[in-house]
Amino acid sequence: MKFSDETLTAYLEGNVDEAEANAIETAVAADPELEARLMALDPFAQVVQAVFENVPAEAPQVDLPEPQSAVPVHHSGSPWRLVAVAASVAVLAVSATFWSTRPEPLGWAEQAAIYQSLYVPDTIASLDNSAQALDTQFELAEAELGRSLNRDTLEALPGMELKRAQVLSFNGKPLIQVVFADEQGQPFAFCIIRQGEGAPSKDVNLAELSGLATATWSEGGYGYMLIGSSPQTPLQGQLDILTTSFAS
C-alpha cells in the first residue's frame, strides 16, 4: 500500500482514523524507505536524531550539592526512595548532557533539503501534472504564499518538466515546494518561504545540504532555494532565470 505525504502528515498530526493509523504503522515497520519518509515529514524527528548523534560517549561532570551534615541520614526507609534518588541523579546527568550538546535548530533550508533528499525518480514519475491539477495546486500555493509563483517562468525553465506545486509549512510560515523532473527524470526543486516584512535580504549562497547541491537567497520578505538531485548538479542556468524573475 502506498501513502501520500499528505496522509503521512495527517498521521503525524493525529488526523487519521485507527484503521489507517494501524496500516501506516504496519507498513513503516516493514519498509525502511517509508520510515525515512515519515521521519522527514516529522519536524521533531531530525532534531531528536541530531541531539543523540551529538551526545558524547561520556556525560559531562555534574556537580551535585554536598549532603547537609545537620540532616540525619535514615537507612530504614523504603528501597523505592533510594531508587527515586538514583533516578533523579540520572535525570540530572542526562539533562546536563542534552543542554551542553544540543545542536542549533535546523533552519528551513536544511529541513527542505532533508525532505528533498528522499526523492528518487519514481517519487515524481507518477505525479499528476496535468494542466487541471497544476492549476489547482498553483492557486492554493499562491494563496498561502501571498504572491505569484511566476508559473510561466517555471514552466519554461530549460531542461525541466514541471511536476507539482506543494504547500508545506515551517514554524508556522507557508513553504512552497515546486517539483520538477530534469531530462534524466531526476528530481529537482524550487522552494519559496514567506519570511515576512523586515526579513533581511541575502545574496545567493551555494552549498551542499543533505548530499544535494543547493542555492539559497532572500529578498523582499521571501526566502528562495533551488535544489538539485546530487552534489554535482549544475544550478547556474536555472538560478540566473529565477533570481531575475523573482526579483522584488
C-alpha atoms as a PDB file:
ATOM      1  CA  MET A   1       0.000   0.000   0.000  1.00  0.00           C
ATOM      2  CA  LYS A   2       1.289   3.463  -0.889  1.00  0.00           C
ATOM      3  CA  PHE A   3       0.777   6.520   1.292  1.00  0.00           C
ATOM      4  CA  SER A   4       0.951  10.135   0.122  1.00  0.00           C
ATOM      5  CA  ASP A   5       2.878  12.812   2.000  1.00  0.00           C
ATOM      6  CA  GLU A   6      -0.466  14.366   2.922  1.00  0.00           C
ATOM      7  CA  THR A   7      -1.668  11.105   4.506  1.00  0.00           C
ATOM      8  CA  LEU A   8       1.597  10.648   6.434  1.00  0.00           C
ATOM      9  CA  THR A   9       1.436  14.247   7.665  1.00  0.00           C
ATOM     10  CA  ALA A  10      -2.149  13.688   8.795  1.00  0.00           C
ATOM     11  CA  TYR A  11      -0.982  10.576  10.676  1.00  0.00           C
ATOM     12  CA  LEU A  12       1.753  12.591  12.448  1.00  0.00           C
ATOM     13  CA  GLU A  13      -0.838  15.195  13.425  1.00  0.00           C
ATOM     14  CA  GLY A  14      -3.271  12.529  14.692  1.00  0.00           C
ATOM     15  CA  ASN A  15      -5.826  13.208  11.991  1.00  0.00           C
ATOM     16  CA  VAL A  16      -6.349   9.681  10.618  1.00  0.00           C
ATOM     17  CA  ASP A  17      -8.661   7.001  11.918  1.00  0.00           C
ATOM     18  CA  GLU A  18      -7.456   3.967  13.869  1.00  0.00           C
ATOM     19  CA  ALA A  19      -7.572   1.600  10.881  1.00  0.00           C
ATOM     20  CA  GLU A  20      -5.436   3.871   8.715  1.00  0.00           C
ATOM     21  CA  ALA A  21      -3.030   4.552  11.577  1.00  0.00           C
ATOM     22  CA  ASN A  22      -2.566   0.794  12.096  1.00  0.00           C
ATOM     23  CA  ALA A  23      -1.979   0.326   8.354  1.00  0.00           C
ATOM     24  CA  ILE A  24       0.683   3.047   8.313  1.00  0.00           C
ATOM     25  CA  GLU A  25       2.449   1.673  11.389  1.00  0.00           C
ATOM     26  CA  THR A  26       2.465  -1.858   9.966  1.00  0.00           C
ATOM     27  CA  ALA A  27       3.878  -0.608   6.667  1.00  0.00           C
ATOM     28  CA  VAL A  28       6.539   1.548   8.367  1.00  0.00           C
ATOM     29  CA  ALA A  29       7.721  -1.430  10.424  1.00  0.00           C
ATOM     30  CA  ALA A  30       8.359  -3.402   7.227  1.00  0.00           C
ATOM     31  CA  ASP A  31       9.595  -0.626   4.932  1.00  0.00           C
ATOM     32  CA  PRO A  32      12.730   1.405   5.877  1.00  0.00           C
ATOM     33  CA  GLU A  33      12.157   3.821   2.987  1.00  0.00           C
ATOM     34  CA  LEU A  34       8.650   4.612   4.229  1.00  0.00           C
ATOM     35  CA  GLU A  35      10.038   5.079   7.726  1.00  0.00           C
ATOM     36  CA  ALA A  36      12.589   7.562   6.348  1.00  0.00           C
ATOM     37  CA  ARG A  37       9.818   9.475   4.535  1.00  0.00           C
ATOM     38  CA  LEU A  38       7.765   9.616   7.708  1.00  0.00           C
ATOM     39  CA  MET A  39      10.730  10.901   9.724  1.00  0.00           C
ATOM     40  CA  ALA A  40      11.418  13.573   7.126  1.00  0.00           C
ATOM     41  CA  LEU A  41       7.847  14.836   7.458  1.00  0.00           C
ATOM     42  CA  ASP A  42       8.079  14.966  11.252  1.00  0.00           C
ATOM     43  CA  PRO A  43       9.641  18.354  12.195  1.00  0.00           C
ATOM     44  CA  PHE A  44      10.843  16.930  15.517  1.00  0.00           C
ATOM     45  CA  ALA A  45      12.456  13.723  14.248  1.00  0.00           C
ATOM     46  CA  GLN A  46      15.516  15.365  12.722  1.00  0.00           C
ATOM     47  CA  VAL A  47      16.142  17.474  15.827  1.00  0.00           C
ATOM     48  CA  VAL A  48      15.916  14.445  18.119  1.00  0.00           C
ATOM     49  CA  GLN A  49      18.199  12.449  15.840  1.00  0.00           C
ATOM     50  CA  ALA A  50      20.729  15.276  15.720  1.00  0.00           C
ATOM     51  CA  VAL A  51      20.710  15.564  19.510  1.00  0.00           C
ATOM     52  CA  PHE A  52      21.508  11.901  20.051  1.00  0.00           C
ATOM     53  CA  GLU A  53      24.143  11.863  17.308  1.00  0.00           C
ATOM     54  CA  ASN A  54      25.948  14.636  19.176  1.00  0.00           C
ATOM     55  CA  VAL A  55      25.689  13.235  22.699  1.00  0.00           C
ATOM     56  CA  PRO A  56      29.267  12.439  23.810  1.00  0.00           C
ATOM     57  CA  ALA A  57      30.255   8.983  24.948  1.00  0.00           C
ATOM     58  CA  GLU A  58      30.796  10.308  28.459  1.00  0.00           C
ATOM     59  CA  ALA A  59      28.356  12.676  30.115  1.00  0.00           C
ATOM     60  CA  PRO A  60      29.855  15.894  31.488  1.00  0.00           C
ATOM     61  CA  GLN A  61      30.641  16.060  35.201  1.00  0.00           C
ATOM     62  CA  VAL A  62      27.637  17.228  37.200  1.00  0.00           C
ATOM     63  CA  ASP A  63      28.412  18.986  40.481  1.00  0.00           C
ATOM     64  CA  LEU A  64      25.782  17.959  42.989  1.00  0.00           C
ATOM     65  CA  PRO A  65      25.390  19.755  46.333  1.00  0.00           C
ATOM     66  CA  GLU A  66      27.139  18.247  49.338  1.00  0.00           C
ATOM     67  CA  PRO A  67      24.847  16.485  51.852  1.00  0.00           C
ATOM     68  CA  GLN A  68      23.734  18.691  54.734  1.00  0.00           C
ATOM     69  CA  SER A  69      25.522  17.388  57.856  1.00  0.00           C
ATOM     70  CA  ALA A  70      22.757  18.694  60.081  1.00  0.00           C
ATOM     71  CA  VAL A  71      20.225  16.412  58.441  1.00  0.00           C
ATOM     72  CA  PRO A  72      20.419  12.840  59.761  1.00  0.00           C
ATOM     73  CA  VAL A  73      20.524  10.028  57.225  1.00  0.00           C
ATOM     74  CA  HIS A  74      17.987   7.285  57.821  1.00  0.00           C
ATOM     75  CA  HIS A  75      18.524   3.861  56.284  1.00  0.00           C
ATOM     76  CA  SER A  76      15.221   2.382  57.288  1.00  0.00           C
ATOM     77  CA  GLY A  77      13.175   4.000  54.542  1.00  0.00           C
ATOM     78  CA  SER A  78      11.609   2.231  51.607  1.00  0.00           C
ATOM     79  CA  PRO A  79      14.073   0.985  48.955  1.00  0.00           C
ATOM     80  CA  TRP A  80      11.902   2.734  46.363  1.00  0.00           C
ATOM     81  CA  ARG A  81      13.058   6.044  47.802  1.00  0.00           C
ATOM     82  CA  LEU A  82      16.642   5.108  47.024  1.00  0.00           C
ATOM     83  CA  VAL A  83      15.583   4.174  43.513  1.00  0.00           C
ATOM     84  CA  ALA A  84      13.882   7.562  43.145  1.00  0.00           C
ATOM     85  CA  VAL A  85      17.023   9.399  44.279  1.00  0.00           C
ATOM     86  CA  ALA A  86      19.168   7.419  41.853  1.00  0.00           C
ATOM     87  CA  ALA A  87      16.717   8.131  39.063  1.00  0.00           C
ATOM     88  CA  SER A  88      16.738  11.859  39.792  1.00  0.00           C
ATOM     89  CA  VAL A  89      20.548  11.926  39.664  1.00  0.00           C
ATOM     90  CA  ALA A  90      20.439  10.106  36.331  1.00  0.00           C
ATOM     91  CA  VAL A  91      17.947  12.652  35.004  1.00  0.00           C
ATOM     92  CA  LEU A  92      20.253  15.483  36.074  1.00  0.00           C
ATOM     93  CA  ALA A  93      23.168  13.878  34.232  1.00  0.00           C
ATOM     94  CA  VAL A  94      21.150  13.298  31.061  1.00  0.00           C
ATOM     95  CA  SER A  95      19.742  16.823  31.199  1.00  0.00           C
ATOM     96  CA  ALA A  96      23.220  18.287  31.592  1.00  0.00           C
ATOM     97  CA  THR A  97      24.398  16.250  28.626  1.00  0.00           C
ATOM     98  CA  PHE A  98      21.481  17.427  26.487  1.00  0.00           C
ATOM     99  CA  TRP A  99      21.818  21.119  27.280  1.00  0.00           C
ATOM    100  CA  SER A 100      25.598  21.104  26.854  1.00  0.00           C
ATOM    101  CA  THR A 101      25.494  19.337  23.481  1.00  0.00           C
ATOM    102  CA  ARG A 102      22.205  20.345  21.855  1.00  0.00           C
ATOM    103  CA  PRO A 103      22.671  21.469  18.252  1.00  0.00           C
ATOM    104  CA  GLU A 104      21.439  24.682  16.717  1.00  0.00           C
ATOM    105  CA  PRO A 105      17.850  24.318  15.468  1.00  0.00           C
ATOM    106  CA  LEU A 106      17.620  23.334  11.813  1.00  0.00           C
ATOM    107  CA  GLY A 107      16.625  26.167   9.510  1.00  0.00           C
ATOM    108  CA  TRP A 108      14.010  25.977   6.787  1.00  0.00           C
ATOM    109  CA  ALA A 109      16.599  25.381   4.053  1.00  0.00           C
ATOM    110  CA  GLU A 110      18.158  22.443   5.914  1.00  0.00           C
ATOM    111  CA  GLN A 111      14.733  20.918   6.510  1.00  0.00           C
ATOM    112  CA  ALA A 112      13.736  21.373   2.869  1.00  0.00           C
ATOM    113  CA  ALA A 113      16.975  19.732   1.717  1.00  0.00           C
ATOM    114  CA  ILE A 114      16.420  16.760   4.042  1.00  0.00           C
ATOM    115  CA  TYR A 115      12.927  16.309   2.627  1.00  0.00           C
ATOM    116  CA  GLN A 116      14.119  16.625  -0.973  1.00  0.00           C
ATOM    117  CA  SER A 117      16.976  14.162  -0.406  1.00  0.00           C
ATOM    118  CA  LEU A 118      14.394  11.377  -0.017  1.00  0.00           C
ATOM    119  CA  TYR A 119      13.095  11.928  -3.541  1.00  0.00           C
ATOM    120  CA  VAL A 120      14.007   9.454  -6.295  1.00  0.00           C
ATOM    121  CA  PRO A 121      12.830   9.387  -9.927  1.00  0.00           C
ATOM    122  CA  ASP A 122       9.973   7.024  -9.016  1.00  0.00           C
ATOM    123  CA  THR A 123       8.722   9.545  -6.462  1.00  0.00           C
ATOM    124  CA  ILE A 124       7.811  12.040  -9.169  1.00  0.00           C
ATOM    125  CA  ALA A 125       7.256   9.775 -12.169  1.00  0.00           C
ATOM    126  CA  SER A 126       3.590   9.153 -11.407  1.00  0.00           C
ATOM    127  CA  LEU A 127       2.640  12.646 -10.233  1.00  0.00           C
ATOM    128  CA  ASP A 128      -0.387  14.115 -11.948  1.00  0.00           C
ATOM    129  CA  ASN A 129       0.982  17.207 -13.693  1.00  0.00           C
ATOM    130  CA  SER A 130      -1.982  17.792 -15.964  1.00  0.00           C
ATOM    131  CA  ALA A 131      -2.946  21.413 -16.570  1.00  0.00           C
ATOM    132  CA  GLN A 132      -6.006  20.995 -14.365  1.00  0.00           C
ATOM    133  CA  ALA A 133      -4.002  19.533 -11.463  1.00  0.00           C
ATOM    134  CA  LEU A 134      -1.343  22.237 -11.714  1.00  0.00           C
ATOM    135  CA  ASP A 135      -3.994  24.969 -11.893  1.00  0.00           C
ATOM    136  CA  THR A 136      -5.430  23.785  -8.576  1.00  0.00           C
ATOM    137  CA  GLN A 137      -2.024  23.388  -6.929  1.00  0.00           C
ATOM    138  CA  PHE A 138      -0.732  26.801  -8.010  1.00  0.00           C
ATOM    139  CA  GLU A 139      -3.935  28.559  -6.981  1.00  0.00           C
ATOM    140  CA  LEU A 140      -3.690  27.092  -3.485  1.00  0.00           C
ATOM    141  CA  ALA A 141       0.069  27.690  -3.212  1.00  0.00           C
ATOM    142  CA  GLU A 142      -0.150  31.327  -4.303  1.00  0.00           C
ATOM    143  CA  ALA A 143      -2.997  31.981  -1.893  1.00  0.00           C
ATOM    144  CA  GLU A 144      -0.956  30.577   1.003  1.00  0.00           C
ATOM    145  CA  LEU A 145       2.232  32.359  -0.059  1.00  0.00           C
ATOM    146  CA  GLY A 146       0.620  35.721  -0.747  1.00  0.00           C
ATOM    147  CA  ARG A 147       2.368  36.265  -4.065  1.00  0.00           C
ATOM    148  CA  SER A 148       2.587  34.949  -7.623  1.00  0.00           C
ATOM    149  CA  LEU A 149       4.737  31.917  -8.329  1.00  0.00           C
ATOM    150  CA  ASN A 150       5.504  33.122 -11.860  1.00  0.00           C
ATOM    151  CA  ARG A 151       4.239  29.879 -13.312  1.00  0.00           C
ATOM    152  CA  ASP A 152       5.074  30.840 -16.902  1.00  0.00           C
ATOM    153  CA  THR A 153       8.732  31.199 -15.891  1.00  0.00           C
ATOM    154  CA  LEU A 154       8.754  27.892 -14.023  1.00  0.00           C
ATOM    155  CA  GLU A 155       7.176  26.018 -16.935  1.00  0.00           C
ATOM    156  CA  ALA A 156       9.799  27.463 -19.279  1.00  0.00           C
ATOM    157  CA  LEU A 157      12.886  26.537 -17.238  1.00  0.00           C
ATOM    158  CA  PRO A 158      15.306  24.864 -19.678  1.00  0.00           C
ATOM    159  CA  GLY A 159      15.553  21.079 -19.377  1.00  0.00           C
ATOM    160  CA  MET A 160      12.872  20.934 -16.687  1.00  0.00           C
ATOM    161  CA  GLU A 161       9.390  19.406 -16.625  1.00  0.00           C
ATOM    162  CA  LEU A 162       7.068  20.970 -14.060  1.00  0.00           C
ATOM    163  CA  LYS A 163       5.561  18.202 -11.909  1.00  0.00           C
ATOM    164  CA  ARG A 164       3.897  19.689  -8.829  1.00  0.00           C
ATOM    165  CA  ALA A 165       3.454  22.681  -6.510  1.00  0.00           C
ATOM    166  CA  GLN A 166       3.025  21.561  -2.898  1.00  0.00           C
ATOM    167  CA  VAL A 167       2.098  23.559   0.192  1.00  0.00           C
ATOM    168  CA  LEU A 168       4.272  22.803   3.233  1.00  0.00           C
ATOM    169  CA  SER A 169       4.947  24.756   6.427  1.00  0.00           C
ATOM    170  CA  PHE A 170       7.941  25.658   8.587  1.00  0.00           C
ATOM    171  CA  ASN A 171       7.464  27.226  12.019  1.00  0.00           C
ATOM    172  CA  GLY A 172       4.004  28.371  11.008  1.00  0.00           C
ATOM    173  CA  LYS A 173       5.207  30.019   7.807  1.00  0.00           C
ATOM    174  CA  PRO A 174       3.985  28.784   4.409  1.00  0.00           C
ATOM    175  CA  LEU A 175       6.695  26.963   2.468  1.00  0.00           C
ATOM    176  CA  ILE A 176       6.008  26.106  -1.167  1.00  0.00           C
ATOM    177  CA  GLN A 177       7.894  23.293  -2.879  1.00  0.00           C
ATOM    178  CA  VAL A 178       7.763  23.297  -6.686  1.00  0.00           C
ATOM    179  CA  VAL A 179       8.966  19.948  -8.046  1.00  0.00           C
ATOM    180  CA  PHE A 180      10.493  19.299 -11.468  1.00  0.00           C
ATOM    181  CA  ALA A 181      11.971  16.368 -13.366  1.00  0.00           C
ATOM    182  CA  ASP A 182      15.133  17.048 -15.347  1.00  0.00           C
ATOM    183  CA  GLU A 183      15.897  15.488 -18.724  1.00  0.00           C
ATOM    184  CA  GLN A 184      17.028  12.261 -16.997  1.00  0.00           C
ATOM    185  CA  GLY A 185      13.923  12.132 -14.811  1.00  0.00           C
ATOM    186  CA  GLN A 186      15.863  13.166 -11.717  1.00  0.00           C
ATOM    187  CA  PRO A 187      14.010  15.241  -9.096  1.00  0.00           C
ATOM    188  CA  PHE A 188      14.728  18.948  -8.883  1.00  0.00           C
ATOM    189  CA  ALA A 189      13.029  21.525  -6.642  1.00  0.00           C
ATOM    190  CA  PHE A 190      12.470  25.235  -6.172  1.00  0.00           C
ATOM    191  CA  CYS A 191      11.216  26.346  -2.747  1.00  0.00           C
ATOM    192  CA  ILE A 192       9.834  29.657  -1.504  1.00  0.00           C
ATOM    193  CA  ILE A 193       9.053  30.585   2.102  1.00  0.00           C
ATOM    194  CA  ARG A 194       7.268  33.702   3.287  1.00  0.00           C
ATOM    195  CA  GLN A 195       9.564  35.249   5.892  1.00  0.00           C
ATOM    196  CA  GLY A 196       7.608  38.447   6.460  1.00  0.00           C
ATOM    197  CA  GLU A 197       8.239  42.157   6.185  1.00  0.00           C
ATOM    198  CA  GLY A 198      11.546  43.272   7.594  1.00  0.00           C
ATOM    199  CA  ALA A 199      13.313  39.985   6.896  1.00  0.00           C
ATOM    200  CA  PRO A 200      16.868  40.709   5.742  1.00  0.00           C
ATOM    201  CA  SER A 201      17.869  40.236   2.115  1.00  0.00           C
ATOM    202  CA  LYS A 202      20.707  37.780   1.493  1.00  0.00           C
ATOM    203  CA  ASP A 203      22.843  37.206  -1.564  1.00  0.00           C
ATOM    204  CA  VAL A 204      22.922  33.833  -3.300  1.00  0.00           C
ATOM    205  CA  ASN A 205      24.739  31.197  -1.273  1.00  0.00           C
ATOM    206  CA  LEU A 206      25.801  27.932  -2.917  1.00  0.00           C
ATOM    207  CA  ALA A 207      26.157  24.962  -0.577  1.00  0.00           C
ATOM    208  CA  GLU A 208      25.759  21.205  -0.315  1.00  0.00           C
ATOM    209  CA  LEU A 209      22.961  20.225   2.050  1.00  0.00           C
ATOM    210  CA  SER A 210      21.913  16.629   2.724  1.00  0.00           C
ATOM    211  CA  GLY A 211      24.069  15.493  -0.208  1.00  0.00           C
ATOM    212  CA  LEU A 212      22.409  17.864  -2.704  1.00  0.00           C
ATOM    213  CA  ALA A 213      23.615  20.991  -4.485  1.00  0.00           C
ATOM    214  CA  THR A 214      21.614  23.983  -3.263  1.00  0.00           C
ATOM    215  CA  ALA A 215      21.390  27.729  -3.797  1.00  0.00           C
ATOM    216  CA  THR A 216      19.627  29.969  -1.280  1.00  0.00           C
ATOM    217  CA  TRP A 217      18.859  33.679  -1.222  1.00  0.00           C
ATOM    218  CA  SER A 218      16.363  36.089   0.360  1.00  0.00           C
ATOM    219  CA  GLU A 219      14.702  39.219  -0.932  1.00  0.00           C
ATOM    220  CA  GLY A 220      11.570  41.251  -0.337  1.00  0.00           C
ATOM    221  CA  GLY A 221      10.372  39.257   2.666  1.00  0.00           C
ATOM    222  CA  TYR A 222      10.714  35.866   0.946  1.00  0.00           C
ATOM    223  CA  GLY A 223      13.371  33.167   1.062  1.00  0.00           C
ATOM    224  CA  TYR A 224      14.233  31.141  -2.036  1.00  0.00           C
ATOM    225  CA  MET A 225      16.001  27.832  -2.545  1.00  0.00           C
ATOM    226  CA  LEU A 226      16.998  25.818  -5.605  1.00  0.00           C
ATOM    227  CA  ILE A 227      17.809  22.142  -5.009  1.00  0.00           C
ATOM    228  CA  GLY A 228      19.495  19.756  -7.449  1.00  0.00           C
ATOM    229  CA  SER A 229      19.479  15.970  -7.490  1.00  0.00           C
ATOM    230  CA  SER A 230      23.109  15.401  -6.479  1.00  0.00           C
ATOM    231  CA  PRO A 231      26.107  17.297  -5.084  1.00  0.00           C
ATOM    232  CA  GLN A 232      27.312  17.924  -8.660  1.00  0.00           C
ATOM    233  CA  THR A 233      24.041  19.230 -10.136  1.00  0.00           C
ATOM    234  CA  PRO A 234      24.745  22.451 -12.085  1.00  0.00           C
ATOM    235  CA  LEU A 235      22.345  25.155 -10.928  1.00  0.00           C
ATOM    236  CA  GLN A 236      23.578  28.310 -12.595  1.00  0.00           C
ATOM    237  CA  GLY A 237      21.345  28.193 -15.675  1.00  0.00           C
ATOM    238  CA  GLN A 238      18.103  27.933 -13.696  1.00  0.00           C
ATOM    239  CA  LEU A 239      19.470  30.203 -10.959  1.00  0.00           C
ATOM    240  CA  ASP A 240      20.064  33.107 -13.334  1.00  0.00           C
ATOM    241  CA  ILE A 241      16.463  32.894 -14.581  1.00  0.00           C
ATOM    242  CA  LEU A 242      14.884  32.541 -11.120  1.00  0.00           C
ATOM    243  CA  THR A 243      16.815  35.318  -9.396  1.00  0.00           C
ATOM    244  CA  THR A 244      15.784  37.668 -12.199  1.00  0.00           C
ATOM    245  CA  SER A 245      12.160  36.530 -12.354  1.00  0.00           C
ATOM    246  CA  PHE A 246      11.633  36.694  -8.585  1.00  0.00           C
ATOM    247  CA  ALA A 247      13.482  39.949  -8.012  1.00  0.00           C
ATOM    248  CA  SER A 248      11.399  42.407  -6.000  1.00  0.00           C
END
